[in-house]
Amino acid sequence: MQNSMPTADEMRNHLTDMAVENPDFRRQLIADPKGVIHQEFGIDVPDNIEIKVHESDMRTVHLALPPDPVLDEEQLQAISAGLCCCGI
């Protein structure tokens, strides 16, 4: 990746592209998304943020909705710290 901090969309696109190209990377991302994020971007995701990786298939498509527009203080702090809680 680049030397500057990528956006959430850039990180998501990178992880998706890598998972499509590399089955081992895909398995690792599903098993340990926080570890992969740290490995790829040098970002330590806080313990209070959960990351779930879902695989779509020919019969199931996952739709990710943005967070509830009413954010609590903890969510606002995470966003202001550059840790988007809405979606890697």
PDB file of N, CA and C in Angstrom:
ATOM      1  N   MET A   1       0.839  -1.193   0.000  1.00  0.00           N
ATOM      2  CA  MET A   1       0.000   0.000   0.000  1.00  0.00           C
ATOM      3  C   MET A   1       0.879   1.249   0.000  1.00  0.00           C
ATOM      4  N   GLN A   2       0.235   2.380   0.023  1.00  0.00           N
ATOM      5  CA  GLN A   2       0.910   3.667  -0.014  1.00  0.00           C
ATOM      6  C   GLN A   2       1.494   4.011   1.356  1.00  0.00           C
ATOM      7  N   ASN A   3       2.294   5.064   1.401  1.00  0.00           N
ATOM      8  CA  ASN A   3       2.843   5.522   2.673  1.00  0.00           C
ATOM      9  C   ASN A   3       1.834   6.337   3.464  1.00  0.00           C
ATOM     10  N   SER A   4       0.910   7.055   2.792  1.00  0.00           N
ATOM     11  CA  SER A   4      -0.097   7.830   3.503  1.00  0.00           C
ATOM     12  C   SER A   4      -1.228   6.913   3.944  1.00  0.00           C
ATOM     13  N   MET A   5      -1.992   7.370   4.920  1.00  0.00           N
ATOM     14  CA  MET A   5      -3.090   6.581   5.456  1.00  0.00           C
ATOM     15  C   MET A   5      -4.187   6.436   4.401  1.00  0.00           C
ATOM     16  N   PRO A   6      -4.507   5.203   4.005  1.00  0.00           N
ATOM     17  CA  PRO A   6      -5.560   5.008   3.009  1.00  0.00           C
ATOM     18  C   PRO A   6      -6.934   5.285   3.620  1.00  0.00           C
ATOM     19  N   THR A   7      -7.886   5.587   2.776  1.00  0.00           N
ATOM     20  CA  THR A   7      -9.263   5.786   3.236  1.00  0.00           C
ATOM     21  C   THR A   7      -9.882   4.422   3.518  1.00  0.00           C
ATOM     22  N   ALA A   8     -11.030   4.424   4.178  1.00  0.00           N
ATOM     23  CA  ALA A   8     -11.738   3.173   4.460  1.00  0.00           C
ATOM     24  C   ALA A   8     -12.092   2.466   3.159  1.00  0.00           C
ATOM     25  N   ASP A   9     -12.514   3.214   2.147  1.00  0.00           N
ATOM     26  CA  ASP A   9     -12.841   2.606   0.857  1.00  0.00           C
ATOM     27  C   ASP A   9     -11.604   1.983   0.207  1.00  0.00           C
ATOM     28  N   GLU A  10     -10.474   2.664   0.275  1.00  0.00           N
ATOM     29  CA  GLU A  10      -9.239   2.119  -0.291  1.00  0.00           C
ATOM     30  C   GLU A  10      -8.823   0.842   0.434  1.00  0.00           C
ATOM     31  N   MET A  11      -8.955   0.832   1.758  1.00  0.00           N
ATOM     32  CA  MET A  11      -8.614  -0.367   2.517  1.00  0.00           C
ATOM     33  C   MET A  11      -9.549  -1.513   2.156  1.00  0.00           C
ATOM     34  N   ARG A  12     -10.839  -1.239   2.104  1.00  0.00           N
ATOM     35  CA  ARG A  12     -11.824  -2.260   1.760  1.00  0.00           C
ATOM     36  C   ARG A  12     -11.545  -2.831   0.363  1.00  0.00           C
ATOM     37  N   ASN A  13     -11.272  -1.942  -0.595  1.00  0.00           N
ATOM     38  CA  ASN A  13     -10.975  -2.391  -1.959  1.00  0.00           C
ATOM     39  C   ASN A  13      -9.710  -3.241  -2.003  1.00  0.00           C
ATOM     40  N   HIS A  14      -8.677  -2.825  -1.279  1.00  0.00           N
ATOM     41  CA  HIS A  14      -7.428  -3.586  -1.239  1.00  0.00           C
ATOM     42  C   HIS A  14      -7.667  -4.978  -0.658  1.00  0.00           C
ATOM     43  N   LEU A  15      -8.366  -5.044   0.478  1.00  0.00           N
ATOM     44  CA  LEU A  15      -8.627  -6.334   1.113  1.00  0.00           C
ATOM     45  C   LEU A  15      -9.466  -7.232   0.211  1.00  0.00           C
ATOM     46  N   THR A  16     -10.468  -6.665  -0.430  1.00  0.00           N
ATOM     47  CA  THR A  16     -11.321  -7.439  -1.332  1.00  0.00           C
ATOM     48  C   THR A  16     -10.517  -7.956  -2.517  1.00  0.00           C
ATOM     49  N   ASP A  17      -9.731  -7.082  -3.133  1.00  0.00           N
ATOM     50  CA  ASP A  17      -8.917  -7.495  -4.286  1.00  0.00           C
ATOM     51  C   ASP A  17      -7.951  -8.615  -3.898  1.00  0.00           C
ATOM     52  N   MET A  18      -7.293  -8.457  -2.759  1.00  0.00           N
ATOM     53  CA  MET A  18      -6.346  -9.482  -2.301  1.00  0.00           C
ATOM     54  C   MET A  18      -7.059 -10.809  -2.016  1.00  0.00           C
ATOM     55  N   ALA A  19      -8.252 -10.741  -1.421  1.00  0.00           N
ATOM     56  CA  ALA A  19      -9.006 -11.946  -1.092  1.00  0.00           C
ATOM     57  C   ALA A  19      -9.477 -12.671  -2.343  1.00  0.00           C
ATOM     58  N   VAL A  20      -9.780 -11.922  -3.399  1.00  0.00           N
ATOM     59  CA  VAL A  20     -10.197 -12.533  -4.662  1.00  0.00           C
ATOM     60  C   VAL A  20      -9.007 -13.212  -5.337  1.00  0.00           C
ATOM     61  N   GLU A  21      -7.839 -12.583  -5.256  1.00  0.00           N
ATOM     62  CA  GLU A  21      -6.646 -13.079  -5.947  1.00  0.00           C
ATOM     63  C   GLU A  21      -5.934 -14.207  -5.213  1.00  0.00           C
ATOM     64  N   ASN A  22      -6.062 -14.258  -3.875  1.00  0.00           N
ATOM     65  CA  ASN A  22      -5.232 -15.155  -3.090  1.00  0.00           C
ATOM     66  C   ASN A  22      -6.092 -15.922  -2.067  1.00  0.00           C
ATOM     67  N   PRO A  23      -6.338 -17.206  -2.305  1.00  0.00           N
ATOM     68  CA  PRO A  23      -7.177 -17.994  -1.385  1.00  0.00           C
ATOM     69  C   PRO A  23      -6.637 -18.046   0.043  1.00  0.00           C
ATOM     70  N   ASP A  24      -5.320 -18.089   0.212  1.00  0.00           N
ATOM     71  CA  ASP A  24      -4.755 -18.105   1.566  1.00  0.00           C
ATOM     72  C   ASP A  24      -5.034 -16.786   2.283  1.00  0.00           C
ATOM     73  N   PHE A  25      -4.883 -15.680   1.566  1.00  0.00           N
ATOM     74  CA  PHE A  25      -5.187 -14.370   2.145  1.00  0.00           C
ATOM     75  C   PHE A  25      -6.660 -14.322   2.541  1.00  0.00           C
ATOM     76  N   ARG A  26      -7.538 -14.835   1.687  1.00  0.00           N
ATOM     77  CA  ARG A  26      -8.980 -14.849   1.951  1.00  0.00           C
ATOM     78  C   ARG A  26      -9.276 -15.603   3.251  1.00  0.00           C
ATOM     79  N   ARG A  27      -8.688 -16.795   3.398  1.00  0.00           N
ATOM     80  CA  ARG A  27      -8.903 -17.587   4.625  1.00  0.00           C
ATOM     81  C   ARG A  27      -8.395 -16.839   5.861  1.00  0.00           C
ATOM     82  N   GLN A  28      -7.247 -16.207   5.721  1.00  0.00           N
ATOM     83  CA  GLN A  28      -6.684 -15.455   6.850  1.00  0.00           C
ATOM     84  C   GLN A  28      -7.567 -14.265   7.195  1.00  0.00           C
ATOM     85  N   LEU A  29      -8.074 -13.573   6.191  1.00  0.00           N
ATOM     86  CA  LEU A  29      -8.948 -12.416   6.427  1.00  0.00           C
ATOM     87  C   LEU A  29     -10.221 -12.834   7.149  1.00  0.00           C
ATOM     88  N   ILE A  30     -10.791 -13.966   6.758  1.00  0.00           N
ATOM     89  CA  ILE A  30     -12.005 -14.456   7.411  1.00  0.00           C
ATOM     90  C   ILE A  30     -11.710 -14.863   8.852  1.00  0.00           C
ATOM     91  N   ALA A  31     -10.586 -15.521   9.080  1.00  0.00           N
ATOM     92  CA  ALA A  31     -10.237 -16.021  10.413  1.00  0.00           C
ATOM     93  C   ALA A  31      -9.778 -14.923  11.371  1.00  0.00           C
ATOM     94  N   ASP A  32      -9.068 -13.934  10.862  1.00  0.00           N
ATOM     95  CA  ASP A  32      -8.462 -12.910  11.733  1.00  0.00           C
ATOM     96  C   ASP A  32      -8.427 -11.554  11.033  1.00  0.00           C
ATOM     97  N   PRO A  33      -9.589 -10.914  10.855  1.00  0.00           N
ATOM     98  CA  PRO A  33      -9.595  -9.649  10.118  1.00  0.00           C
ATOM     99  C   PRO A  33      -8.746  -8.550  10.765  1.00  0.00           C
ATOM    100  N   LYS A  34      -8.729  -8.496  12.081  1.00  0.00           N
ATOM    101  CA  LYS A  34      -7.921  -7.464  12.749  1.00  0.00           C
ATOM    102  C   LYS A  34      -6.430  -7.690  12.507  1.00  0.00           C
ATOM    103  N   GLY A  35      -6.022  -8.948  12.544  1.00  0.00           N
ATOM    104  CA  GLY A  35      -4.624  -9.261  12.286  1.00  0.00           C
ATOM    105  C   GLY A  35      -4.223  -8.897  10.867  1.00  0.00           C
ATOM    106  N   VAL A  36      -5.097  -9.175   9.908  1.00  0.00           N
ATOM    107  CA  VAL A  36      -4.813  -8.847   8.515  1.00  0.00           C
ATOM    108  C   VAL A  36      -4.760  -7.332   8.322  1.00  0.00           C
ATOM    109  N   ILE A  37      -5.669  -6.624   8.951  1.00  0.00           N
ATOM    110  CA  ILE A  37      -5.662  -5.158   8.848  1.00  0.00           C
ATOM    111  C   ILE A  37      -4.358  -4.608   9.412  1.00  0.00           C
ATOM    112  N   HIS A  38      -3.921  -5.156  10.530  1.00  0.00           N
ATOM    113  CA  HIS A  38      -2.639  -4.707  11.098  1.00  0.00           C
ATOM    114  C   HIS A  38      -1.493  -5.035  10.147  1.00  0.00           C
ATOM    115  N   GLN A  39      -1.495  -6.233   9.611  1.00  0.00           N
ATOM    116  CA  GLN A  39      -0.433  -6.667   8.705  1.00  0.00           C
ATOM    117  C   GLN A  39      -0.397  -5.800   7.444  1.00  0.00           C
ATOM    118  N   GLU A  40      -1.541  -5.496   6.880  1.00  0.00           N
ATOM    119  CA  GLU A  40      -1.598  -4.772   5.609  1.00  0.00           C
ATOM    120  C   GLU A  40      -1.430  -3.264   5.755  1.00  0.00           C
ATOM    121  N   PHE A  41      -1.948  -2.699   6.856  1.00  0.00           N
ATOM    122  CA  PHE A  41      -1.997  -1.238   6.976  1.00  0.00           C
ATOM    123  C   PHE A  41      -1.300  -0.688   8.217  1.00  0.00           C
ATOM    124  N   GLY A  42      -0.853  -1.576   9.118  1.00  0.00           N
ATOM    125  CA  GLY A  42      -0.211  -1.113  10.340  1.00  0.00           C
ATOM    126  C   GLY A  42      -1.182  -0.480  11.320  1.00  0.00           C
ATOM    127  N   ILE A  43      -2.453  -0.832  11.216  1.00  0.00           N
ATOM    128  CA  ILE A  43      -3.492  -0.256  12.084  1.00  0.00           C
ATOM    129  C   ILE A  43      -3.889  -1.295  13.120  1.00  0.00           C
ATOM    130  N   ASP A  44      -3.888  -0.880  14.384  1.00  0.00           N
ATOM    131  CA  ASP A  44      -4.373  -1.725  15.464  1.00  0.00           C
ATOM    132  C   ASP A  44      -5.829  -1.365  15.722  1.00  0.00           C
ATOM    133  N   VAL A  45      -6.732  -2.270  15.399  1.00  0.00           N
ATOM    134  CA  VAL A  45      -8.152  -2.037  15.620  1.00  0.00           C
ATOM    135  C   VAL A  45      -8.438  -2.263  17.100  1.00  0.00           C
ATOM    136  N   PRO A  46      -9.056  -1.279  17.769  1.00  0.00           N
ATOM    137  CA  PRO A  46      -9.328  -1.423  19.207  1.00  0.00           C
ATOM    138  C   PRO A  46     -10.203  -2.640  19.518  1.00  0.00           C
ATOM    139  N   ASP A  47     -10.055  -3.163  20.729  1.00  0.00           N
ATOM    140  CA  ASP A  47     -10.819  -4.331  21.158  1.00  0.00           C
ATOM    141  C   ASP A  47     -12.326  -4.092  21.127  1.00  0.00           C
ATOM    142  N   ASN A  48     -12.738  -2.847  21.309  1.00  0.00           N
ATOM    143  CA  ASN A  48     -14.174  -2.564  21.366  1.00  0.00           C
ATOM    144  C   ASN A  48     -14.819  -2.440  19.986  1.00  0.00           C
ATOM    145  N   ILE A  49     -14.039  -2.644  18.935  1.00  0.00           N
ATOM    146  CA  ILE A  49     -14.583  -2.633  17.576  1.00  0.00           C
ATOM    147  C   ILE A  49     -14.495  -4.054  17.035  1.00  0.00           C
ATOM    148  N   GLU A  50     -15.640  -4.569  16.609  1.00  0.00           N
ATOM    149  CA  GLU A  50     -15.702  -5.930  16.061  1.00  0.00           C
ATOM    150  C   GLU A  50     -15.749  -5.847  14.541  1.00  0.00           C
ATOM    151  N   ILE A  51     -15.007  -6.715  13.885  1.00  0.00           N
ATOM    152  CA  ILE A  51     -15.018  -6.774  12.424  1.00  0.00           C
ATOM    153  C   ILE A  51     -15.477  -8.161  12.021  1.00  0.00           C
ATOM    154  N   LYS A  52     -16.515  -8.202  11.194  1.00  0.00           N
ATOM    155  CA  LYS A  52     -17.040  -9.474  10.697  1.00  0.00           C
ATOM    156  C   LYS A  52     -16.869  -9.495   9.184  1.00  0.00           C
ATOM    157  N   VAL A  53     -16.286 -10.565   8.682  1.00  0.00           N
ATOM    158  CA  VAL A  53     -16.118 -10.747   7.249  1.00  0.00           C
ATOM    159  C   VAL A  53     -17.155 -11.771   6.804  1.00  0.00           C
ATOM    160  N   HIS A  54     -17.960 -11.402   5.830  1.00  0.00           N
ATOM    161  CA  HIS A  54     -18.992 -12.287   5.292  1.00  0.00           C
ATOM    162  C   HIS A  54     -18.678 -12.587   3.838  1.00  0.00           C
ATOM    163  N   GLU A  55     -18.868 -13.827   3.449  1.00  0.00           N
ATOM    164  CA  GLU A  55     -18.676 -14.217   2.058  1.00  0.00           C
ATOM    165  C   GLU A  55     -20.031 -14.361   1.376  1.00  0.00           C
ATOM    166  N   SER A  56     -20.178 -13.699   0.248  1.00  0.00           N
ATOM    167  CA  SER A  56     -21.361 -13.917  -0.576  1.00  0.00           C
ATOM    168  C   SER A  56     -21.106 -15.134  -1.450  1.00  0.00           C
ATOM    169  N   ASP A  57     -22.171 -15.811  -1.835  1.00  0.00           N
ATOM    170  CA  ASP A  57     -22.056 -16.910  -2.780  1.00  0.00           C
ATOM    171  C   ASP A  57     -23.205 -16.793  -3.775  1.00  0.00           C
ATOM    172  N   MET A  58     -23.406 -17.812  -4.561  1.00  0.00           N
ATOM    173  CA  MET A  58     -24.427 -17.744  -5.611  1.00  0.00           C
ATOM    174  C   MET A  58     -25.842 -17.689  -5.046  1.00  0.00           C
ATOM    175  N   ARG A  59     -26.012 -18.039  -3.778  1.00  0.00           N
ATOM    176  CA  ARG A  59     -27.344 -18.059  -3.182  1.00  0.00           C
ATOM    177  C   ARG A  59     -27.530 -17.026  -2.079  1.00  0.00           C
ATOM    178  N   THR A  60     -26.445 -16.431  -1.601  1.00  0.00           N
ATOM    179  CA  THR A  60     -26.523 -15.483  -0.496  1.00  0.00           C
ATOM    180  C   THR A  60     -25.685 -14.261  -0.816  1.00  0.00           C
ATOM    181  N   VAL A  61     -26.298 -13.110  -0.708  1.00  0.00           N
ATOM    182  CA  VAL A  61     -25.596 -11.842  -0.891  1.00  0.00           C
ATOM    183  C   VAL A  61     -25.749 -11.054   0.405  1.00  0.00           C
ATOM    184  N   HIS A  62     -24.643 -10.518   0.898  1.00  0.00           N
ATOM    185  CA  HIS A  62     -24.667  -9.742   2.140  1.00  0.00           C
ATOM    186  C   HIS A  62     -24.716  -8.256   1.801  1.00  0.00           C
ATOM    187  N   LEU A  63     -25.568  -7.552   2.478  1.00  0.00           N
ATOM    188  CA  LEU A  63     -25.719  -6.115   2.310  1.00  0.00           C
ATOM    189  C   LEU A  63     -25.293  -5.449   3.612  1.00  0.00           C
ATOM    190  N   ALA A  64     -24.278  -4.600   3.547  1.00  0.00           N
ATOM    191  CA  ALA A  64     -23.793  -3.896   4.737  1.00  0.00           C
ATOM    192  C   ALA A  64     -24.461  -2.532   4.813  1.00  0.00           C
ATOM    193  N   LEU A  65     -25.149  -2.294   5.902  1.00  0.00           N
ATOM    194  CA  LEU A  65     -25.789  -1.004   6.119  1.00  0.00           C
ATOM    195  C   LEU A  65     -24.861  -0.101   6.912  1.00  0.00           C
ATOM    196  N   PRO A  66     -24.933   1.206   6.694  1.00  0.00           N
ATOM    197  CA  PRO A  66     -24.123   2.117   7.502  1.00  0.00           C
ATOM    198  C   PRO A  66     -24.616   2.101   8.944  1.00  0.00           C
ATOM    199  N   PRO A  67     -23.793   2.599   9.861  1.00  0.00           N
ATOM    200  CA  PRO A  67     -24.209   2.609  11.260  1.00  0.00           C
ATOM    201  C   PRO A  67     -25.428   3.494  11.461  1.00  0.00           C
ATOM    202  N   ASP A  68     -26.107   3.254  12.558  1.00  0.00           N
ATOM    203  CA  ASP A  68     -27.240   4.089  12.952  1.00  0.00           C
ATOM    204  C   ASP A  68     -26.772   5.544  12.969  1.00  0.00           C
ATOM    205  N   PRO A  69     -27.552   6.457  12.395  1.00  0.00           N
ATOM    206  CA  PRO A  69     -27.115   7.854  12.344  1.00  0.00           C
ATOM    207  C   PRO A  69     -26.960   8.509  13.714  1.00  0.00           C
ATOM    208  N   VAL A  70     -27.510   7.903  14.747  1.00  0.00           N
ATOM    209  CA  VAL A  70     -27.356   8.431  16.103  1.00  0.00           C
ATOM    210  C   VAL A  70     -26.146   7.740  16.717  1.00  0.00           C
ATOM    211  N   LEU A  71     -25.013   8.441  16.730  1.00  0.00           N
ATOM    212  CA  LEU A  71     -23.764   7.870  17.229  1.00  0.00           C
ATOM    213  C   LEU A  71     -23.582   8.188  18.702  1.00  0.00           C
ATOM    214  N   ASP A  72     -23.025   7.235  19.441  1.00  0.00           N
ATOM    215  CA  ASP A  72     -22.711   7.518  20.833  1.00  0.00           C
ATOM    216  C   ASP A  72     -21.302   8.126  20.917  1.00  0.00           C
ATOM    217  N   GLU A  73     -20.924   8.537  22.087  1.00  0.00           N
ATOM    218  CA  GLU A  73     -19.644   9.232  22.287  1.00  0.00           C
ATOM    219  C   GLU A  73     -18.460   8.358  21.882  1.00  0.00           C
ATOM    220  N   GLU A  74     -18.500   7.093  22.204  1.00  0.00           N
ATOM    221  CA  GLU A  74     -17.410   6.176  21.866  1.00  0.00           C
ATOM    222  C   GLU A  74     -17.244   6.061  20.342  1.00  0.00           C
ATOM    223  N   GLN A  75     -18.354   5.986  19.620  1.00  0.00           N
ATOM    224  CA  GLN A  75     -18.293   5.900  18.170  1.00  0.00           C
ATOM    225  C   GLN A  75     -17.745   7.196  17.572  1.00  0.00           C
ATOM    226  N   LEU A  76     -18.152   8.326  18.101  1.00  0.00           N
ATOM    227  CA  LEU A  76     -17.636   9.615  17.620  1.00  0.00           C
ATOM    228  C   LEU A  76     -16.136   9.714  17.828  1.00  0.00           C
ATOM    229  N   GLN A  77     -15.645   9.246  18.984  1.00  0.00           N
ATOM    230  CA  GLN A  77     -14.207   9.274  19.251  1.00  0.00           C
ATOM    231  C   GLN A  77     -13.451   8.375  18.284  1.00  0.00           C
ATOM    232  N   ALA A  78     -14.005   7.194  17.981  1.00  0.00           N
ATOM    233  CA  ALA A  78     -13.346   6.285  17.038  1.00  0.00           C
ATOM    234  C   ALA A  78     -13.267   6.908  15.660  1.00  0.00           C
ATOM    235  N   ILE A  79     -14.337   7.542  15.228  1.00  0.00           N
ATOM    236  CA  ILE A  79     -14.343   8.195  13.926  1.00  0.00           C
ATOM    237  C   ILE A  79     -13.345   9.341  13.895  1.00  0.00           C
ATOM    238  N   SER A  80     -13.317  10.150  14.945  1.00  0.00           N
ATOM    239  CA  SER A  80     -12.400  11.282  14.977  1.00  0.00           C
ATOM    240  C   SER A  80     -10.944  10.824  15.035  1.00  0.00           C
ATOM    241  N   ALA A  81     -10.706   9.606  15.545  1.00  0.00           N
ATOM    242  CA  ALA A  81      -9.357   9.059  15.600  1.00  0.00           C
ATOM    243  C   ALA A  81      -8.953   8.408  14.278  1.00  0.00           C
ATOM    244  N   GLY A  82      -9.879   8.414  13.317  1.00  0.00           N
ATOM    245  CA  GLY A  82      -9.572   7.832  12.012  1.00  0.00           C
ATOM    246  C   GLY A  82      -9.902   6.356  11.910  1.00  0.00           C
ATOM    247  N   LEU A  83     -10.582   5.830  12.896  1.00  0.00           N
ATOM    248  CA  LEU A  83     -10.972   4.420  12.866  1.00  0.00           C
ATOM    249  C   LEU A  83     -12.449   4.363  12.521  1.00  0.00           C
ATOM    250  N   CYS A  84     -12.725   4.161  11.295  1.00  0.00           N
ATOM    251  CA  CYS A  84     -14.111   4.146  10.840  1.00  0.00           C
ATOM    252  C   CYS A  84     -14.795   2.884  11.337  1.00  0.00           C
ATOM    253  N   CYS A  85     -15.867   3.055  12.061  1.00  0.00           N
ATOM    254  CA  CYS A  85     -16.605   1.889  12.553  1.00  0.00           C
ATOM    255  C   CYS A  85     -17.622   1.420  11.527  1.00  0.00           C
ATOM    256  N   CYS A  86     -17.631   2.025  10.371  1.00  0.00           N
ATOM    257  CA  CYS A  86     -18.662   1.721   9.383  1.00  0.00           C
ATOM    258  C   CYS A  86     -18.112   1.003   8.191  1.00  0.00           C
ATOM    259  N   GLY A  87     -17.162   0.242   8.408  1.00  0.00           N
ATOM    260  CA  GLY A  87     -17.041  -0.676   7.378  1.00  0.00           C
ATOM    261  C   GLY A  87     -15.807  -1.119   6.704  1.00  0.00           C
ATOM    262  N   ILE A  88     -14.955  -1.759   7.259  1.00  0.00           N
ATOM    263  CA  ILE A  88     -13.952  -2.458   6.466  1.00  0.00           C
ATOM    264  C   ILE A  88     -14.499  -3.825   6.233  1.00  0.00           C
TER     265      ILE A  88
END
